[in-house]
PDB file of N, CA and C in Angstrom:
ATOM      1  N   MET A   1      33.223  27.678 147.729  1.00  0.00           N
ATOM      2  CA  MET A   1      33.851  27.174 148.558  1.00  0.00           C
ATOM      3  C   MET A   1      33.215  26.619 150.292  1.00  0.00           C
ATOM      4  N   VAL A   2      33.841  25.516 150.415  1.00  0.00           N
ATOM      5  CA  VAL A   2      32.881  25.389 151.979  1.00  0.00           C
ATOM      6  C   VAL A   2      34.151  25.406 152.868  1.00  0.00           C
ATOM      7  N   LEU A   3      33.688  26.181 153.540  1.00  0.00           N
ATOM      8  CA  LEU A   3      33.896  26.272 154.949  1.00  0.00           C
ATOM      9  C   LEU A   3      33.319  25.388 155.593  1.00  0.00           C
ATOM     10  N   ALA A   4      31.975  24.584 156.151  1.00  0.00           N
ATOM     11  CA  ALA A   4      32.383  24.016 156.990  1.00  0.00           C
ATOM     12  C   ALA A   4      31.186  22.417 156.551  1.00  0.00           C
ATOM     13  N   GLU A   5      31.333  21.629 156.636  1.00  0.00           N
ATOM     14  CA  GLU A   5      30.687  20.047 156.028  1.00  0.00           C
ATOM     15  C   GLU A   5      30.154  19.450 158.079  1.00  0.00           C
ATOM     16  N   SER A   6      28.918  19.223 157.920  1.00  0.00           N
ATOM     17  CA  SER A   6      28.624  18.062 158.406  1.00  0.00           C
ATOM     18  C   SER A   6      27.340  17.324 158.012  1.00  0.00           C
ATOM     19  N   ASP A   7      27.900  15.450 158.107  1.00  0.00           N
ATOM     20  CA  ASP A   7      26.898  14.537 157.301  1.00  0.00           C
ATOM     21  C   ASP A   7      26.452  13.391 158.495  1.00  0.00           C
ATOM     22  N   GLN A   8      24.843  13.350 158.472  1.00  0.00           N
ATOM     23  CA  GLN A   8      25.059  12.107 158.739  1.00  0.00           C
ATOM     24  C   GLN A   8      23.830  11.801 157.664  1.00  0.00           C
ATOM     25  N   LEU A   9      24.970  11.020 156.343  1.00  0.00           N
ATOM     26  CA  LEU A   9      23.601   9.893 155.919  1.00  0.00           C
ATOM     27  C   LEU A   9      22.831   8.815 155.976  1.00  0.00           C
ATOM     28  N   GLN A  10      23.087   7.990 156.863  1.00  0.00           N
ATOM     29  CA  GLN A  10      22.392   6.881 157.917  1.00  0.00           C
ATOM     30  C   GLN A  10      21.056   7.257 158.214  1.00  0.00           C
ATOM     31  N   GLN A  11      21.084   8.657 158.704  1.00  0.00           N
ATOM     32  CA  GLN A  11      20.415   8.989 159.372  1.00  0.00           C
ATOM     33  C   GLN A  11      18.992  10.368 158.336  1.00  0.00           C
ATOM     34  N   GLY A  12      20.011  10.712 157.081  1.00  0.00           N
ATOM     35  CA  GLY A  12      19.303  11.025 155.673  1.00  0.00           C
ATOM     36  C   GLY A  12      19.311  12.938 155.725  1.00  0.00           C
ATOM     37  N   LEU A  13      20.649  13.069 155.980  1.00  0.00           N
ATOM     38  CA  LEU A  13      20.877  15.029 156.255  1.00  0.00           C
ATOM     39  C   LEU A  13      22.436  15.621 155.984  1.00  0.00           C
ATOM     40  N   VAL A  14      22.336  16.010 155.647  1.00  0.00           N
ATOM     41  CA  VAL A  14      24.124  16.317 155.551  1.00  0.00           C
ATOM     42  C   VAL A  14      23.749  18.769 155.441  1.00  0.00           C
ATOM     43  N   ALA A  15      24.277  18.726 155.671  1.00  0.00           N
ATOM     44  CA  ALA A  15      24.590  20.463 155.958  1.00  0.00           C
ATOM     45  C   ALA A  15      26.122  20.979 155.192  1.00  0.00           C
ATOM     46  N   ALA A  16      26.233  22.051 155.270  1.00  0.00           N
ATOM     47  CA  ALA A  16      27.319  22.423 154.427  1.00  0.00           C
ATOM     48  C   ALA A  16      27.445  24.289 154.752  1.00  0.00           C
ATOM     49  N   GLY A  17      28.754  24.233 155.463  1.00  0.00           N
ATOM     50  CA  GLY A  17      28.172  26.184 155.001  1.00  0.00           C
ATOM     51  C   GLY A  17      29.222  26.434 153.725  1.00  0.00           C
ATOM     52  N   VAL A  18      28.521  27.685 153.084  1.00  0.00           N
ATOM     53  CA  VAL A  18      29.760  27.640 151.685  1.00  0.00           C
ATOM     54  C   VAL A  18      29.716  29.418 151.364  1.00  0.00           C
ATOM     55  N   GLN A  19      30.468  29.239 151.070  1.00  0.00           N
ATOM     56  CA  GLN A  19      31.125  30.685 150.178  1.00  0.00           C
ATOM     57  C   GLN A  19      31.140  30.604 148.650  1.00  0.00           C
ATOM     58  N   MET A  20      30.557  31.749 147.818  1.00  0.00           N
ATOM     59  CA  MET A  20      30.219  31.877 146.602  1.00  0.00           C
ATOM     60  C   MET A  20      30.197  32.632 146.251  1.00  0.00           C
ATOM     61  N   ARG A  21      31.129  33.035 145.029  1.00  0.00           N
ATOM     62  CA  ARG A  21      31.921  33.735 144.592  1.00  0.00           C
ATOM     63  C   ARG A  21      30.866  34.681 143.700  1.00  0.00           C
ATOM     64  N   ARG A  22      29.674  33.731 143.111  1.00  0.00           N
ATOM     65  CA  ARG A  22      28.543  33.382 142.163  1.00  0.00           C
ATOM     66  C   ARG A  22      27.671  32.693 142.537  1.00  0.00           C
ATOM     67  N   ALA A  23      26.670  32.673 141.775  1.00  0.00           N
ATOM     68  CA  ALA A  23      25.637  32.138 141.933  1.00  0.00           C
ATOM     69  C   ALA A  23      26.590  30.381 140.867  1.00  0.00           C
ATOM     70  N   GLY A  24      25.561  29.953 141.759  1.00  0.00           N
ATOM     71  CA  GLY A  24      26.330  28.274 141.309  1.00  0.00           C
ATOM     72  C   GLY A  24      25.185  27.338 141.721  1.00  0.00           C
ATOM     73  N   VAL A  25      25.727  26.137 141.649  1.00  0.00           N
ATOM     74  CA  VAL A  25      24.925  24.796 142.194  1.00  0.00           C
ATOM     75  C   VAL A  25      26.195  24.217 143.340  1.00  0.00           C
ATOM     76  N   ALA A  26      25.431  23.624 144.493  1.00  0.00           N
ATOM     77  CA  ALA A  26      25.602  22.502 145.407  1.00  0.00           C
ATOM     78  C   ALA A  26      25.638  21.067 145.180  1.00  0.00           C
ATOM     79  N   VAL A  27      25.953  20.289 145.442  1.00  0.00           N
ATOM     80  CA  VAL A  27      26.400  19.312 144.543  1.00  0.00           C
ATOM     81  C   VAL A  27      26.737  18.274 145.459  1.00  0.00           C
ATOM     82  N   LEU A  28      25.306  17.128 145.387  1.00  0.00           N
ATOM     83  CA  LEU A  28      25.120  16.399 147.424  1.00  0.00           C
ATOM     84  C   LEU A  28      25.781  15.539 146.122  1.00  0.00           C
ATOM     85  N   SER A  29      27.158  13.985 146.697  1.00  0.00           N
ATOM     86  CA  SER A  29      27.166  12.936 146.340  1.00  0.00           C
ATOM     87  C   SER A  29      26.855  11.865 146.977  1.00  0.00           C
ATOM     88  N   ALA A  30      25.394  11.896 146.149  1.00  0.00           N
ATOM     89  CA  ALA A  30      24.232  11.022 146.533  1.00  0.00           C
ATOM     90  C   ALA A  30      23.483  10.518 146.000  1.00  0.00           C
ATOM     91  N   SER A  31      23.344   9.693 145.467  1.00  0.00           N
ATOM     92  CA  SER A  31      21.922   8.961 144.167  1.00  0.00           C
ATOM     93  C   SER A  31      20.321  10.017 144.341  1.00  0.00           C
ATOM     94  N   PHE A  32      20.355  10.022 143.451  1.00  0.00           N
ATOM     95  CA  PHE A  32      19.311  11.024 143.027  1.00  0.00           C
ATOM     96  C   PHE A  32      17.725  10.493 143.789  1.00  0.00           C
ATOM     97  N   ASP A  33      17.029  11.084 144.820  1.00  0.00           N
ATOM     98  CA  ASP A  33      15.711  10.628 144.524  1.00  0.00           C
ATOM     99  C   ASP A  33      14.848  11.241 144.728  1.00  0.00           C
ATOM    100  N   LEU A  34      13.277  11.116 144.512  1.00  0.00           N
ATOM    101  CA  LEU A  34      12.693  12.234 144.961  1.00  0.00           C
ATOM    102  C   LEU A  34      12.249  12.645 146.920  1.00  0.00           C
ATOM    103  N   GLY A  35      12.716  11.962 147.201  1.00  0.00           N
ATOM    104  CA  GLY A  35      12.676  12.016 148.830  1.00  0.00           C
ATOM    105  C   GLY A  35      13.972  13.730 149.149  1.00  0.00           C
ATOM    106  N   TRP A  36      14.811  13.511 148.430  1.00  0.00           N
ATOM    107  CA  TRP A  36      15.828  14.484 149.087  1.00  0.00           C
ATOM    108  C   TRP A  36      15.060  15.878 148.226  1.00  0.00           C
ATOM    109  N   THR A  37      14.721  16.494 149.312  1.00  0.00           N
ATOM    110  CA  THR A  37      15.162  17.872 149.955  1.00  0.00           C
ATOM    111  C   THR A  37      16.292  19.205 150.321  1.00  0.00           C
ATOM    112  N   ALA A  38      16.148  20.847 149.756  1.00  0.00           N
ATOM    113  CA  ALA A  38      17.248  20.695 150.182  1.00  0.00           C
ATOM    114  C   ALA A  38      16.537  22.563 150.979  1.00  0.00           C
ATOM    115  N   THR A  39      17.051  23.575 151.523  1.00  0.00           N
ATOM    116  CA  THR A  39      17.341  24.595 152.350  1.00  0.00           C
ATOM    117  C   THR A  39      18.777  25.169 152.253  1.00  0.00           C
ATOM    118  N   VAL A  40      18.345  26.257 151.474  1.00  0.00           N
ATOM    119  CA  VAL A  40      19.617  27.512 151.945  1.00  0.00           C
ATOM    120  C   VAL A  40      18.651  28.091 152.735  1.00  0.00           C
ATOM    121  N   ASP A  41      19.347  28.970 153.721  1.00  0.00           N
ATOM    122  CA  ASP A  41      20.116  29.423 154.468  1.00  0.00           C
ATOM    123  C   ASP A  41      18.361  29.772 154.909  1.00  0.00           C
ATOM    124  N   GLY A  42      18.019  28.210 155.380  1.00  0.00           N
ATOM    125  CA  GLY A  42      16.464  27.885 156.225  1.00  0.00           C
ATOM    126  C   GLY A  42      15.592  27.929 154.906  1.00  0.00           C
ATOM    127  N   ARG A  43      15.530  28.109 153.961  1.00  0.00           N
ATOM    128  CA  ARG A  43      14.356  28.845 152.822  1.00  0.00           C
ATOM    129  C   ARG A  43      14.569  27.356 151.818  1.00  0.00           C
ATOM    130  N   PRO A  44      13.571  26.384 151.669  1.00  0.00           N
ATOM    131  CA  PRO A  44      13.664  25.900 150.494  1.00  0.00           C
ATOM    132  C   PRO A  44      13.693  26.105 149.299  1.00  0.00           C
ATOM    133  N   GLN A  45      14.340  24.812 148.213  1.00  0.00           N
ATOM    134  CA  GLN A  45      15.280  25.092 147.729  1.00  0.00           C
ATOM    135  C   GLN A  45      14.680  24.020 146.480  1.00  0.00           C
ATOM    136  N   PRO A  46      14.729  24.160 145.446  1.00  0.00           N
ATOM    137  CA  PRO A  46      14.524  22.645 145.082  1.00  0.00           C
ATOM    138  C   PRO A  46      15.925  22.088 144.715  1.00  0.00           C
ATOM    139  N   THR A  47      15.541  20.524 144.428  1.00  0.00           N
ATOM    140  CA  THR A  47      16.567  19.896 143.722  1.00  0.00           C
ATOM    141  C   THR A  47      16.690  19.322 143.070  1.00  0.00           C
ATOM    142  N   GLU A  48      16.978  19.245 142.339  1.00  0.00           N
ATOM    143  CA  GLU A  48      17.265  18.435 140.542  1.00  0.00           C
ATOM    144  C   GLU A  48      18.497  17.444 140.933  1.00  0.00           C
ATOM    145  N   MET A  49      18.290  16.662 139.693  1.00  0.00           N
ATOM    146  CA  MET A  49      19.615  15.485 139.658  1.00  0.00           C
ATOM    147  C   MET A  49      20.104  15.832 138.169  1.00  0.00           C
ATOM    148  N   VAL A  50      21.683  15.461 138.639  1.00  0.00           N
ATOM    149  CA  VAL A  50      23.041  16.137 138.466  1.00  0.00           C
ATOM    150  C   VAL A  50      23.469  15.319 137.542  1.00  0.00           C
ATOM    151  N   ALA A  51      24.583  14.640 136.781  1.00  0.00           N
ATOM    152  CA  ALA A  51      26.201  14.638 136.850  1.00  0.00           C
ATOM    153  C   ALA A  51      25.906  12.921 137.089  1.00  0.00           C
ATOM    154  N   PRO A  52      25.246  11.305 136.285  1.00  0.00           N
ATOM    155  CA  PRO A  52      23.623  11.748 135.541  1.00  0.00           C
ATOM    156  C   PRO A  52      22.319  11.740 136.628  1.00  0.00           C
ATOM    157  N   ALA A  53      23.529  10.689 138.259  1.00  0.00           N
ATOM    158  CA  ALA A  53      21.982  10.721 139.362  1.00  0.00           C
ATOM    159  C   ALA A  53      22.193  11.404 140.259  1.00  0.00           C
ATOM    160  N   LEU A  54      23.142  13.084 140.797  1.00  0.00           N
ATOM    161  CA  LEU A  54      23.886  12.988 141.645  1.00  0.00           C
ATOM    162  C   LEU A  54      22.213  14.324 142.272  1.00  0.00           C
ATOM    163  N   VAL A  55      22.669  14.623 143.550  1.00  0.00           N
ATOM    164  CA  VAL A  55      21.607  15.957 144.356  1.00  0.00           C
ATOM    165  C   VAL A  55      22.383  17.203 143.970  1.00  0.00           C
ATOM    166  N   ALA A  56      21.520  17.918 143.525  1.00  0.00           N
ATOM    167  CA  ALA A  56      22.132  19.294 143.697  1.00  0.00           C
ATOM    168  C   ALA A  56      20.868  19.894 144.125  1.00  0.00           C
ATOM    169  N   THR A  57      21.289  20.761 144.265  1.00  0.00           N
ATOM    170  CA  THR A  57      20.477  22.779 144.445  1.00  0.00           C
ATOM    171  C   THR A  57      21.139  23.845 143.950  1.00  0.00           C
ATOM    172  N   THR A  58      20.825  24.639 143.791  1.00  0.00           N
ATOM    173  CA  THR A  58      21.328  26.587 143.465  1.00  0.00           C
ATOM    174  C   THR A  58      21.057  27.198 143.754  1.00  0.00           C
ATOM    175  N   VAL A  59      22.468  27.437 144.635  1.00  0.00           N
ATOM    176  CA  VAL A  59      22.466  28.554 145.375  1.00  0.00           C
ATOM    177  C   VAL A  59      23.011  30.227 144.735  1.00  0.00           C
ATOM    178  N   PRO A  60      22.832  31.037 145.413  1.00  0.00           N
ATOM    179  CA  PRO A  60      22.677  32.231 144.921  1.00  0.00           C
ATOM    180  C   PRO A  60      24.476  32.885 145.645  1.00  0.00           C
ATOM    181  N   ALA A  61      25.307  33.523 145.365  1.00  0.00           N
ATOM    182  CA  ALA A  61      26.319  34.715 145.579  1.00  0.00           C
ATOM    183  C   ALA A  61      26.232  34.876 147.363  1.00  0.00           C
ATOM    184  N   GLY A  62      27.955  34.425 147.687  1.00  0.00           N
ATOM    185  CA  GLY A  62      27.265  34.889 149.014  1.00  0.00           C
ATOM    186  C   GLY A  62      27.137  33.963 150.182  1.00  0.00           C
ATOM    187  N   THR A  63      27.719  33.914 150.840  1.00  0.00           N
ATOM    188  CA  THR A  63      28.118  33.079 152.153  1.00  0.00           C
ATOM    189  C   THR A  63      26.449  32.415 153.098  1.00  0.00           C
ATOM    190  N   HIS A  64      26.656  30.832 152.449  1.00  0.00           N
ATOM    191  CA  HIS A  64      24.990  30.428 153.172  1.00  0.00           C
ATOM    192  C   HIS A  64      25.357  29.307 153.490  1.00  0.00           C
ATOM    193  N   ARG A  65      23.884  28.719 154.898  1.00  0.00           N
ATOM    194  CA  ARG A  65      24.031  27.169 155.164  1.00  0.00           C
ATOM    195  C   ARG A  65      23.758  26.607 154.026  1.00  0.00           C
ATOM    196  N   ILE A  66      23.619  25.689 153.237  1.00  0.00           N
ATOM    197  CA  ILE A  66      23.128  24.457 152.517  1.00  0.00           C
ATOM    198  C   ILE A  66      22.454  23.122 153.388  1.00  0.00           C
ATOM    199  N   VAL A  67      21.842  23.149 153.924  1.00  0.00           N
ATOM    200  CA  VAL A  67      21.080  21.780 154.376  1.00  0.00           C
ATOM    201  C   VAL A  67      19.890  20.257 153.812  1.00  0.00           C
ATOM    202  N   PHE A  68      21.027  19.619 152.969  1.00  0.00           N
ATOM    203  CA  PHE A  68      20.073  18.901 152.809  1.00  0.00           C
ATOM    204  C   PHE A  68      18.891  17.330 153.238  1.00  0.00           C
ATOM    205  N   ARG A  69      17.881  16.769 153.299  1.00  0.00           N
ATOM    206  CA  ARG A  69      17.458  16.313 153.740  1.00  0.00           C
ATOM    207  C   ARG A  69      16.863  15.191 152.943  1.00  0.00           C
ATOM    208  N   TYR A  70      16.933  14.055 153.457  1.00  0.00           N
ATOM    209  CA  TYR A  70      16.385  13.005 153.105  1.00  0.00           C
ATOM    210  C   TYR A  70      15.083  11.859 153.274  1.00  0.00           C
ATOM    211  N   ARG A  71      13.750  12.063 152.280  1.00  0.00           N
ATOM    212  CA  ARG A  71      12.359  11.458 153.964  1.00  0.00           C
ATOM    213  C   ARG A  71      12.285   9.957 152.435  1.00  0.00           C
ATOM    214  N   GLY A  72      12.227   8.802 152.719  1.00  0.00           N
ATOM    215  CA  GLY A  72      12.093   8.332 151.952  1.00  0.00           C
ATOM    216  C   GLY A  72      10.582   8.201 151.651  1.00  0.00           C
ATOM    217  N   TRP A  73       9.597   6.882 150.758  1.00  0.00           N
ATOM    218  CA  TRP A  73       8.852   6.749 151.168  1.00  0.00           C
ATOM    219  C   TRP A  73       8.497   5.460 152.519  1.00  0.00           C
ATOM    220  N   ARG A  74       6.911   6.289 153.330  1.00  0.00           N
ATOM    221  CA  ARG A  74       7.410   5.712 154.542  1.00  0.00           C
ATOM    222  C   ARG A  74       5.826   4.585 153.931  1.00  0.00           C
ATOM    223  N   SER A  75       5.655   4.227 153.137  1.00  0.00           N
ATOM    224  CA  SER A  75       4.631   2.975 152.873  1.00  0.00           C
ATOM    225  C   SER A  75       4.837   1.561 152.455  1.00  0.00           C
ATOM    226  N   TYR A  76       6.477   2.104 152.161  1.00  0.00           N
ATOM    227  CA  TYR A  76       6.584   0.240 152.177  1.00  0.00           C
ATOM    228  C   TYR A  76       6.434  -0.923 152.785  1.00  0.00           C
ATOM    229  N   PRO A  77       6.140  -0.925 153.997  1.00  0.00           N
ATOM    230  CA  PRO A  77       5.626  -2.501 154.028  1.00  0.00           C
ATOM    231  C   PRO A  77       3.809  -2.381 153.671  1.00  0.00           C
ATOM    232  N   LEU A  78       2.938  -1.270 153.019  1.00  0.00           N
ATOM    233  CA  LEU A  78       1.959  -1.367 152.824  1.00  0.00           C
ATOM    234  C   LEU A  78       2.074  -1.817 151.340  1.00  0.00           C
ATOM    235  N   LEU A  79       2.762  -1.258 150.848  1.00  0.00           N
ATOM    236  CA  LEU A  79       3.822  -1.685 148.917  1.00  0.00           C
ATOM    237  C   LEU A  79       3.703  -2.778 149.104  1.00  0.00           C
ATOM    238  N   PHE A  80       4.615  -4.112 150.270  1.00  0.00           N
ATOM    239  CA  PHE A  80       4.662  -5.738 150.096  1.00  0.00           C
ATOM    240  C   PHE A  80       3.656  -5.809 150.555  1.00  0.00           C
ATOM    241  N   ALA A  81       2.490  -5.949 151.084  1.00  0.00           N
ATOM    242  CA  ALA A  81       1.444  -6.363 151.825  1.00  0.00           C
ATOM    243  C   ALA A  81       0.532  -6.740 150.680  1.00  0.00           C
ATOM    244  N   LEU A  82       0.750  -4.868 149.710  1.00  0.00           N
ATOM    245  CA  LEU A  82      -0.160  -5.495 148.963  1.00  0.00           C
ATOM    246  C   LEU A  82       0.384  -6.044 147.512  1.00  0.00           C
ATOM    247  N   GLY A  83       1.705  -5.879 146.962  1.00  0.00           N
ATOM    248  CA  GLY A  83       2.005  -7.035 146.355  1.00  0.00           C
ATOM    249  C   GLY A  83       2.250  -8.660 146.717  1.00  0.00           C
ATOM    250  N   ALA A  84       2.318  -8.644 147.156  1.00  0.00           N
ATOM    251  CA  ALA A  84       1.412 -10.493 148.514  1.00  0.00           C
ATOM    252  C   ALA A  84       0.099 -10.781 148.177  1.00  0.00           C
ATOM    253  N   ALA A  85      -0.587  -9.491 148.485  1.00  0.00           N
ATOM    254  CA  ALA A  85      -1.980  -9.781 148.187  1.00  0.00           C
ATOM    255  C   ALA A  85      -2.002 -10.666 146.052  1.00  0.00           C
ATOM    256  N   VAL A  86      -1.191  -9.660 146.475  1.00  0.00           N
ATOM    257  CA  VAL A  86      -1.677  -9.767 144.527  1.00  0.00           C
ATOM    258  C   VAL A  86      -0.745 -10.987 143.534  1.00  0.00           C
ATOM    259  N   LEU A  87      -0.185 -11.303 144.040  1.00  0.00           N
ATOM    260  CA  LEU A  87       0.442 -12.554 144.223  1.00  0.00           C
ATOM    261  C   LEU A  87       0.044 -13.607 145.071  1.00  0.00           C
ATOM    262  N   LEU A  88      -0.766 -13.951 146.247  1.00  0.00           N
ATOM    263  CA  LEU A  88      -1.598 -14.922 146.495  1.00  0.00           C
ATOM    264  C   LEU A  88      -2.744 -15.237 145.917  1.00  0.00           C
ATOM    265  N   ALA A  89      -4.007 -13.469 144.962  1.00  0.00           N
ATOM    266  CA  ALA A  89      -4.826 -13.581 144.243  1.00  0.00           C
ATOM    267  C   ALA A  89      -4.334 -14.218 142.647  1.00  0.00           C
ATOM    268  N   LEU A  90      -3.194 -13.945 141.897  1.00  0.00           N
ATOM    269  CA  LEU A  90      -3.212 -15.123 140.861  1.00  0.00           C
ATOM    270  C   LEU A  90      -2.714 -16.455 141.206  1.00  0.00           C
ATOM    271  N   ILE A  91      -1.981 -16.347 141.884  1.00  0.00           N
ATOM    272  CA  ILE A  91      -2.159 -17.728 142.273  1.00  0.00           C
ATOM    273  C   ILE A  91      -3.034 -18.577 142.832  1.00  0.00           C
ATOM    274  N   TYR A  92      -4.446 -18.246 143.199  1.00  0.00           N
ATOM    275  CA  TYR A  92      -5.274 -19.196 143.656  1.00  0.00           C
ATOM    276  C   TYR A  92      -6.476 -19.084 142.427  1.00  0.00           C
ATOM    277  N   ALA A  93      -6.274 -18.264 141.999  1.00  0.00           N
ATOM    278  CA  ALA A  93      -6.735 -17.604 140.022  1.00  0.00           C
ATOM    279  C   ALA A  93      -6.092 -18.937 140.143  1.00  0.00           C
ATOM    280  N   ASP A  94      -5.506 -19.630 139.547  1.00  0.00           N
ATOM    281  CA  ASP A  94      -4.867 -20.003 138.527  1.00  0.00           C
ATOM    282  C   ASP A  94      -5.229 -22.016 138.762  1.00  0.00           C
ATOM    283  N   ILE A  95      -4.721 -22.051 140.030  1.00  0.00           N
ATOM    284  CA  ILE A  95      -5.142 -22.372 141.312  1.00  0.00           C
ATOM    285  C   ILE A  95      -7.021 -23.530 140.457  1.00  0.00           C
ATOM    286  N   ARG A  96      -8.109 -22.297 141.089  1.00  0.00           N
ATOM    287  CA  ARG A  96      -8.950 -22.184 140.682  1.00  0.00           C
ATOM    288  C   ARG A  96      -9.495 -22.606 138.786  1.00  0.00           C
ATOM    289  N   ARG A  97      -8.759 -22.525 138.191  1.00  0.00           N
ATOM    290  CA  ARG A  97      -9.275 -22.292 136.816  1.00  0.00           C
ATOM    291  C   ARG A  97      -9.267 -23.253 136.035  1.00  0.00           C
ATOM    292  N   PRO A  98     -10.336 -24.203 135.880  1.00  0.00           N
ATOM    293  CA  PRO A  98     -10.096 -25.135 134.949  1.00  0.00           C
ATOM    294  C   PRO A  98      -8.994 -25.240 133.841  1.00  0.00           C
ATOM    295  N   ARG A  99      -8.202 -26.699 133.999  1.00  0.00           N
ATOM    296  CA  ARG A  99      -7.196 -26.644 133.368  1.00  0.00           C
ATOM    297  C   ARG A  99      -7.835 -27.431 131.898  1.00  0.00           C
ATOM    298  N   PHE A 100      -6.982 -26.662 130.665  1.00  0.00           N
ATOM    299  CA  PHE A 100      -6.783 -27.339 129.354  1.00  0.00           C
ATOM    300  C   PHE A 100      -7.422 -28.459 128.900  1.00  0.00           C
ATOM    301  N   GLU A 101      -6.186 -29.726 129.895  1.00  0.00           N
ATOM    302  CA  GLU A 101      -7.013 -30.880 129.399  1.00  0.00           C
ATOM    303  C   GLU A 101      -7.852 -30.938 129.622  1.00  0.00           C
ATOM    304  N   ALA A 102      -8.243 -31.073 131.291  1.00  0.00           N
ATOM    305  CA  ALA A 102      -9.744 -31.657 131.783  1.00  0.00           C
ATOM    306  C   ALA A 102     -10.747 -30.508 130.886  1.00  0.00           C
ATOM    307  N   ARG A 103     -10.959 -30.146 130.368  1.00  0.00           N
ATOM    308  CA  ARG A 103     -11.533 -29.251 129.605  1.00  0.00           C
ATOM    309  C   ARG A 103     -12.462 -30.234 128.327  1.00  0.00           C
ATOM    310  N   LYS A 104     -10.711 -30.729 127.941  1.00  0.00           N
ATOM    311  CA  LYS A 104     -10.760 -31.778 126.264  1.00  0.00           C
ATOM    312  C   LYS A 104     -11.196 -32.862 125.951  1.00  0.00           C
ATOM    313  N   ARG A 105     -12.089 -33.108 127.654  1.00  0.00           N
ATOM    314  CA  ARG A 105     -12.372 -34.981 127.784  1.00  0.00           C
ATOM    315  C   ARG A 105     -13.546 -34.994 128.054  1.00  0.00           C
TER     316      ARG A 105
END
């Protein structure tokens, strides 16, 4: 049973108080990504993908506070710059490559 819930998905934070009669799984209705982490009563708990792409973590019996946090990969600007550099290098190599037609003459 969910006792309380607080979500700030835009900031990557969801918290809930739950009461479990027996050990089970808490499922967050958000797309699974390796950037999701979970804590149960402040202790790190592994996350897993379920049904087929939701975030979940196991929770023991009893009353607990679960917090899911998302921290995305911070290096997207670096990745985009690298992709642009590779694209420019390929274009440059294609321009510099002698054309097949020119070699036939």
